Amino acid sequence: MMFSGNRKPIYKRCQADTNTRLRLKYAPFYRVVDAADGVNLTVDGRPMVMMSSNEYLGLIRHPRVVAAAKLALDKWGTSACGSRLANGTRAYHIELEEALAAFLGKEACHVFAAGYLACMASLSSLICRGDVLIVDPSIHSSLWDGALLSGAKIERFDHNDMAALARLLEQLDPRQAKVIAVDGVYSMEGHIAGLPQLADLADKHQAVVVVDDAHGLGVLGRNGRGVCDHCGVTDRVELIAGSFSKSLASTGGFVAGDRALIEYLRSSSRQIIFSAALSPSQAAAARAALEVMQSEPEHHDRLWANYRHLRAILDQIGVDSWNSPTPALPIVIGDKEKCYRIWRSLWDDGFFTVMSIAPGVPVGKDMIRCAVSALHTADQLNRFGEALTRALQRAGVRPKP
């Protein structure tokens, strides 16, 4: 790849970086899928099994979800072609927002064209200079970007360590406005945030709590109501943000909370004011998936049956799955080169996984990120276990069953 001979420093730096990447003998990222039917893929003309998707409930081809998206296209076209503030608010936005708010147990909700925007908005306008934002360092990049845009002072506590959070809160000025931001389920580790203890600390120190529940919605709680419902703290969490691109079989995102906070974000958040509205088909698919999630619990049951099956396989093999209690199941290797060799072996055996290395994960936690779906069969999970065993042997990794 060339940059037209441009000698500007930015171009020279980009050219050097691109040349380095092109010289690599492997490319574990940006793999192109030619066809997909659930977890069954075709890549470069050969069948593969997806083992890293966030499609937890397997609803993207559910007849009701597909029919709803098609009907919305026919009725509304492809886009509102405008921001919600100006000319892009449609009836389907309001219907989805009301359904989500009721499902999550919140007064109001606002939907976005992307989950990333929703998480950014939940922080970037809620706090400002002079406030304190307290975060778990493992929060998603979307929360981090919202945190940086806010201008607030950022304090970190050790990952999921409520004792460390308590010590930090005790050291802060009690007069300062405070927000605590965490992921409900950490997508790399699979860990569930310690929300009961966190809510107690937030009440004690008068802090607002923001939870990104992208990986908890549809997975945890009653009928998939998410991690706040699972932990019994819905009424004590001020804002719940999330994504439609996991269990809700669509794209887009949302923020739900007290009506006053949602209305404040609608009038203050740049991610809302200057961003195009969620498309008709995306909104319809998300709403239909929300209805299916509540009326057909068998998808949720299959997800957790498959989680138990794969977790038992990983435990028997003896790999480190970071004690994940959720369908996001990491296989921690701790060495970049061995991690690549395992990823490559799994790929060659027909299993699509994602290699996650530092700085995307903490140093020494280089991993193969796996995620189980309701669509997996027992045979596929068994064959994955066999392929993983071969991969570990080829990489010279000796697990401890």
Foldseek 3Di string as FASTA:
>chain_A
DADVPDPPPVRVVVVVVVVVVVPDPDDLPPFDWPDDDQQWTAGPRDIFGEFFALQALRCLVPPLLVVLLVVLCVVPNWFQPAFPVPRRDDPLQVVLFVVLCVLLVFDTKGWAQALLLQLLLVQQFVAADQAEEEEAVLADVSVVNSPVNRHYHYHYFHHLDLVRVLVVLVPDDLVHAYEYEYECARLQLLDGHPPVSVLVSCVVSVYAYEYEFASQQLAAADLRSGSCNNNVNSVSHAKYKYFCRHNLNAGIIMIGGYPVVVVSSCVGPCSRNVHGHHTRSRSSSSSSSSVCSNVPVVSNVLSVVVQVLLVVLCVVQAFCQNPNPGQWTKGFDQDQVLLVQLCVQSVVVRYRWHWDAPPNPDRRRTTTTGGTHSPDDSVVSVVSSVSSSVSCVVSVHRHDD
